[in-house]
Amino acid sequence: MLTGIHPLLTGPLLLHLDAMGHSDAVVLADAHFPAERLAARSLLFPGVTTPDLLAAVRTVVPLDEVPALDLMATPDGEILPVQDELTAVAGTDDVRFLDRLAFYDVAAAAYLVVRTGETRVYGNAILRKGVVEP
């Protein structure tokens, strides 16, 4: 057990987050997301919501600059409550909405995809690691 580490941050997740470089992306995806098909590296967190995991990740990962956060756009452009939660816990207003197929393309190039147990649709986020300041 480590002190000061959010309890959702497991050893394997911390290992991958630490290995990521500046501007590398991590996808935090809902339970519907095709993680195994798209990801070079993937982890599974079945009992966790995407906003909860994003909040945990943000305790150790600074956000890169523009765009800091990508969310999957709904077909009608409506912003859903889960997307509001993701934006709030990310701590940024710098959000880019991508249609589903564009989101999948960006996700396929990400360093890591973490599929959560989030059952709300469009509960997906891509964040890019920023520079850790001294």
C-alpha atoms as a PDB file:
ATOM      1  CA  MET A   1       0.000   0.000   0.000  1.00  0.00           C
ATOM      2  CA  LEU A   2       1.249   3.474  -0.856  1.00  0.00           C
ATOM      3  CA  THR A   3       0.267   6.666   0.892  1.00  0.00           C
ATOM      4  CA  GLY A   4      -1.071   9.607  -1.037  1.00  0.00           C
ATOM      5  CA  ILE A   5      -2.092   7.508  -4.066  1.00  0.00           C
ATOM      6  CA  HIS A   6      -5.757   7.430  -5.044  1.00  0.00           C
ATOM      7  CA  PRO A   7      -7.110   3.918  -4.300  1.00  0.00           C
ATOM      8  CA  LEU A   8      -8.335   3.418  -7.894  1.00  0.00           C
ATOM      9  CA  LEU A   9      -4.795   3.782  -9.231  1.00  0.00           C
ATOM     10  CA  THR A  10      -3.533   0.222  -9.425  1.00  0.00           C
ATOM     11  CA  GLY A  11       0.098  -0.745  -9.984  1.00  0.00           C
ATOM     12  CA  PRO A  12      -0.412  -1.642 -13.670  1.00  0.00           C
ATOM     13  CA  LEU A  13      -2.281   1.614 -14.349  1.00  0.00           C
ATOM     14  CA  LEU A  14       0.379   3.684 -12.572  1.00  0.00           C
ATOM     15  CA  LEU A  15       3.094   1.867 -14.527  1.00  0.00           C
ATOM     16  CA  HIS A  16       1.462   2.815 -17.847  1.00  0.00           C
ATOM     17  CA  LEU A  17       0.710   6.393 -16.797  1.00  0.00           C
ATOM     18  CA  ASP A  18       4.322   6.839 -15.706  1.00  0.00           C
ATOM     19  CA  ALA A  19       5.633   5.383 -18.977  1.00  0.00           C
ATOM     20  CA  MET A  20       3.590   7.837 -21.033  1.00  0.00           C
ATOM     21  CA  GLY A  21       5.465  10.796 -22.455  1.00  0.00           C
ATOM     22  CA  HIS A  22       4.420  14.376 -23.091  1.00  0.00           C
ATOM     23  CA  SER A  23       1.319  14.486 -25.325  1.00  0.00           C
ATOM     24  CA  ASP A  24       0.733  10.723 -25.130  1.00  0.00           C
ATOM     25  CA  ALA A  25      -2.969   9.939 -24.803  1.00  0.00           C
ATOM     26  CA  VAL A  26      -4.900   7.706 -22.457  1.00  0.00           C
ATOM     27  CA  VAL A  27      -8.477   6.710 -23.247  1.00  0.00           C
ATOM     28  CA  LEU A  28     -10.888   6.185 -20.376  1.00  0.00           C
ATOM     29  CA  ALA A  29     -13.757   4.353 -21.991  1.00  0.00           C
ATOM     30  CA  ASP A  30     -17.184   3.107 -21.089  1.00  0.00           C
ATOM     31  CA  ALA A  31     -18.160  -0.566 -20.974  1.00  0.00           C
ATOM     32  CA  HIS A  32     -19.458  -0.433 -24.571  1.00  0.00           C
ATOM     33  CA  PHE A  33     -16.138   0.703 -26.054  1.00  0.00           C
ATOM     34  CA  PRO A  34     -14.258  -1.668 -28.431  1.00  0.00           C
ATOM     35  CA  ALA A  35     -11.057  -1.458 -26.374  1.00  0.00           C
ATOM     36  CA  GLU A  36      -9.592  -4.832 -27.297  1.00  0.00           C
ATOM     37  CA  ARG A  37     -10.023  -4.189 -31.000  1.00  0.00           C
ATOM     38  CA  LEU A  38      -8.498  -0.703 -30.945  1.00  0.00           C
ATOM     39  CA  ALA A  39      -5.869  -0.761 -28.231  1.00  0.00           C
ATOM     40  CA  ALA A  40      -2.225  -1.689 -28.359  1.00  0.00           C
ATOM     41  CA  ARG A  41      -2.345  -1.678 -24.536  1.00  0.00           C
ATOM     42  CA  SER A  42      -5.506  -2.034 -22.495  1.00  0.00           C
ATOM     43  CA  LEU A  43      -6.652  -2.416 -18.916  1.00  0.00           C
ATOM     44  CA  LEU A  44     -10.065  -3.305 -17.541  1.00  0.00           C
ATOM     45  CA  PHE A  45     -11.698  -1.593 -14.544  1.00  0.00           C
ATOM     46  CA  PRO A  46     -15.194  -3.179 -14.524  1.00  0.00           C
ATOM     47  CA  GLY A  47     -16.431  -1.824 -11.194  1.00  0.00           C
ATOM     48  CA  VAL A  48     -15.561   1.831 -11.803  1.00  0.00           C
ATOM     49  CA  THR A  49     -17.305   4.698 -13.591  1.00  0.00           C
ATOM     50  CA  THR A  50     -15.399   6.728 -16.153  1.00  0.00           C
ATOM     51  CA  PRO A  51     -15.718  10.015 -14.198  1.00  0.00           C
ATOM     52  CA  ASP A  52     -14.419   8.329 -11.024  1.00  0.00           C
ATOM     53  CA  LEU A  53     -11.412   6.901 -12.845  1.00  0.00           C
ATOM     54  CA  LEU A  54     -10.731  10.207 -14.585  1.00  0.00           C
ATOM     55  CA  ALA A  55     -10.756  11.965 -11.214  1.00  0.00           C
ATOM     56  CA  ALA A  56      -8.210   9.445  -9.925  1.00  0.00           C
ATOM     57  CA  VAL A  57      -5.978   9.739 -13.002  1.00  0.00           C
ATOM     58  CA  ARG A  58      -5.999  13.526 -12.739  1.00  0.00           C
ATOM     59  CA  THR A  59      -4.409  13.270  -9.281  1.00  0.00           C
ATOM     60  CA  VAL A  60      -1.181  12.123 -10.967  1.00  0.00           C
ATOM     61  CA  VAL A  61      -1.404  13.233 -14.609  1.00  0.00           C
ATOM     62  CA  PRO A  62      -1.231  16.890 -15.653  1.00  0.00           C
ATOM     63  CA  LEU A  63      -3.151  17.782 -18.796  1.00  0.00           C
ATOM     64  CA  ASP A  64      -1.410  18.801 -21.975  1.00  0.00           C
ATOM     65  CA  GLU A  65      -2.340  21.952 -23.808  1.00  0.00           C
ATOM     66  CA  VAL A  66      -4.877  22.204 -26.605  1.00  0.00           C
ATOM     67  CA  PRO A  67      -6.858  20.013 -26.809  1.00  0.00           C
ATOM     68  CA  ALA A  68      -6.661  18.851 -23.222  1.00  0.00           C
ATOM     69  CA  LEU A  69      -9.677  16.569 -23.378  1.00  0.00           C
ATOM     70  CA  ASP A  70     -11.606  14.810 -26.144  1.00  0.00           C
ATOM     71  CA  LEU A  71     -15.122  13.520 -25.597  1.00  0.00           C
ATOM     72  CA  MET A  72     -17.268  11.456 -27.955  1.00  0.00           C
ATOM     73  CA  ALA A  73     -20.026  13.588 -29.455  1.00  0.00           C
ATOM     74  CA  THR A  74     -23.594  12.365 -29.485  1.00  0.00           C
ATOM     75  CA  PRO A  75     -25.228  12.197 -32.939  1.00  0.00           C
ATOM     76  CA  ASP A  76     -27.499  15.155 -32.140  1.00  0.00           C
ATOM     77  CA  GLY A  77     -24.816  17.216 -30.377  1.00  0.00           C
ATOM     78  CA  GLU A  78     -26.540  16.992 -26.995  1.00  0.00           C
ATOM     79  CA  ILE A  79     -24.160  17.129 -24.024  1.00  0.00           C
ATOM     80  CA  LEU A  80     -25.083  14.346 -21.625  1.00  0.00           C
ATOM     81  CA  PRO A  81     -24.762  14.379 -17.814  1.00  0.00           C
ATOM     82  CA  VAL A  82     -21.868  11.881 -17.940  1.00  0.00           C
ATOM     83  CA  GLN A  83     -20.020  14.259 -20.283  1.00  0.00           C
ATOM     84  CA  ASP A  84     -20.612  17.166 -17.898  1.00  0.00           C
ATOM     85  CA  GLU A  85     -19.167  15.008 -15.103  1.00  0.00           C
ATOM     86  CA  LEU A  86     -16.106  14.133 -17.210  1.00  0.00           C
ATOM     87  CA  THR A  87     -15.467  17.786 -18.015  1.00  0.00           C
ATOM     88  CA  ALA A  88     -15.840  18.790 -14.371  1.00  0.00           C
ATOM     89  CA  VAL A  89     -13.462  16.165 -12.975  1.00  0.00           C
ATOM     90  CA  ALA A  90     -10.918  16.803 -15.739  1.00  0.00           C
ATOM     91  CA  GLY A  91     -10.682  20.361 -14.481  1.00  0.00           C
ATOM     92  CA  THR A  92     -10.642  21.998 -17.908  1.00  0.00           C
ATOM     93  CA  ASP A  93     -12.967  23.819 -20.247  1.00  0.00           C
ATOM     94  CA  ASP A  94     -10.708  22.913 -23.167  1.00  0.00           C
ATOM     95  CA  VAL A  95     -12.908  20.113 -24.515  1.00  0.00           C
ATOM     96  CA  ARG A  96     -13.095  18.913 -28.103  1.00  0.00           C
ATOM     97  CA  PHE A  97     -16.056  16.779 -29.183  1.00  0.00           C
ATOM     98  CA  LEU A  98     -15.316  14.151 -31.844  1.00  0.00           C
ATOM     99  CA  ASP A  99     -17.853  12.051 -33.700  1.00  0.00           C
ATOM    100  CA  ARG A 100     -17.754   8.343 -32.876  1.00  0.00           C
ATOM    101  CA  LEU A 101     -15.558   7.220 -35.770  1.00  0.00           C
ATOM    102  CA  ALA A 102     -13.086  10.104 -35.354  1.00  0.00           C
ATOM    103  CA  PHE A 103     -12.957   9.311 -31.626  1.00  0.00           C
ATOM    104  CA  TYR A 104     -12.137   5.681 -32.472  1.00  0.00           C
ATOM    105  CA  ASP A 105      -9.341   6.824 -34.798  1.00  0.00           C
ATOM    106  CA  VAL A 106      -7.773   8.993 -32.102  1.00  0.00           C
ATOM    107  CA  ALA A 107      -8.247   6.221 -29.524  1.00  0.00           C
ATOM    108  CA  ALA A 108      -6.499   3.675 -31.750  1.00  0.00           C
ATOM    109  CA  ALA A 109      -3.370   5.846 -31.659  1.00  0.00           C
ATOM    110  CA  ALA A 110      -3.484   6.301 -27.863  1.00  0.00           C
ATOM    111  CA  TYR A 111      -0.788   4.920 -25.599  1.00  0.00           C
ATOM    112  CA  LEU A 112      -3.353   3.172 -23.389  1.00  0.00           C
ATOM    113  CA  VAL A 113      -7.075   2.376 -23.371  1.00  0.00           C
ATOM    114  CA  VAL A 114      -8.762   1.712 -20.033  1.00  0.00           C
ATOM    115  CA  ARG A 115     -12.260   0.265 -20.289  1.00  0.00           C
ATOM    116  CA  THR A 116     -14.363   0.973 -17.228  1.00  0.00           C
ATOM    117  CA  GLY A 117     -17.672  -0.421 -16.043  1.00  0.00           C
ATOM    118  CA  GLU A 118     -19.432   2.801 -17.058  1.00  0.00           C
ATOM    119  CA  THR A 119     -22.800   1.816 -18.545  1.00  0.00           C
ATOM    120  CA  ARG A 120     -23.929   5.305 -19.539  1.00  0.00           C
ATOM    121  CA  VAL A 121     -23.438   5.803 -23.266  1.00  0.00           C
ATOM    122  CA  TYR A 122     -20.869   8.366 -24.456  1.00  0.00           C
ATOM    123  CA  GLY A 123     -18.977   8.006 -21.174  1.00  0.00           C
ATOM    124  CA  ASN A 124     -15.613   8.128 -22.973  1.00  0.00           C
ATOM    125  CA  ALA A 125     -12.718  10.548 -22.615  1.00  0.00           C
ATOM    126  CA  ILE A 126      -9.266  10.959 -24.100  1.00  0.00           C
ATOM    127  CA  LEU A 127      -6.744  13.010 -22.195  1.00  0.00           C
ATOM    128  CA  ARG A 128      -3.185  13.882 -23.099  1.00  0.00           C
ATOM    129  CA  LYS A 129      -0.380  13.898 -20.592  1.00  0.00           C
ATOM    130  CA  GLY A 130       1.192  17.276 -20.028  1.00  0.00           C
ATOM    131  CA  VAL A 131       4.607  18.173 -18.712  1.00  0.00           C
ATOM    132  CA  VAL A 132       5.261  17.480 -15.044  1.00  0.00           C
ATOM    133  CA  GLU A 133       6.582  20.730 -13.625  1.00  0.00           C
ATOM    134  CA  PRO A 134       9.292  20.682 -10.935  1.00  0.00           C
END
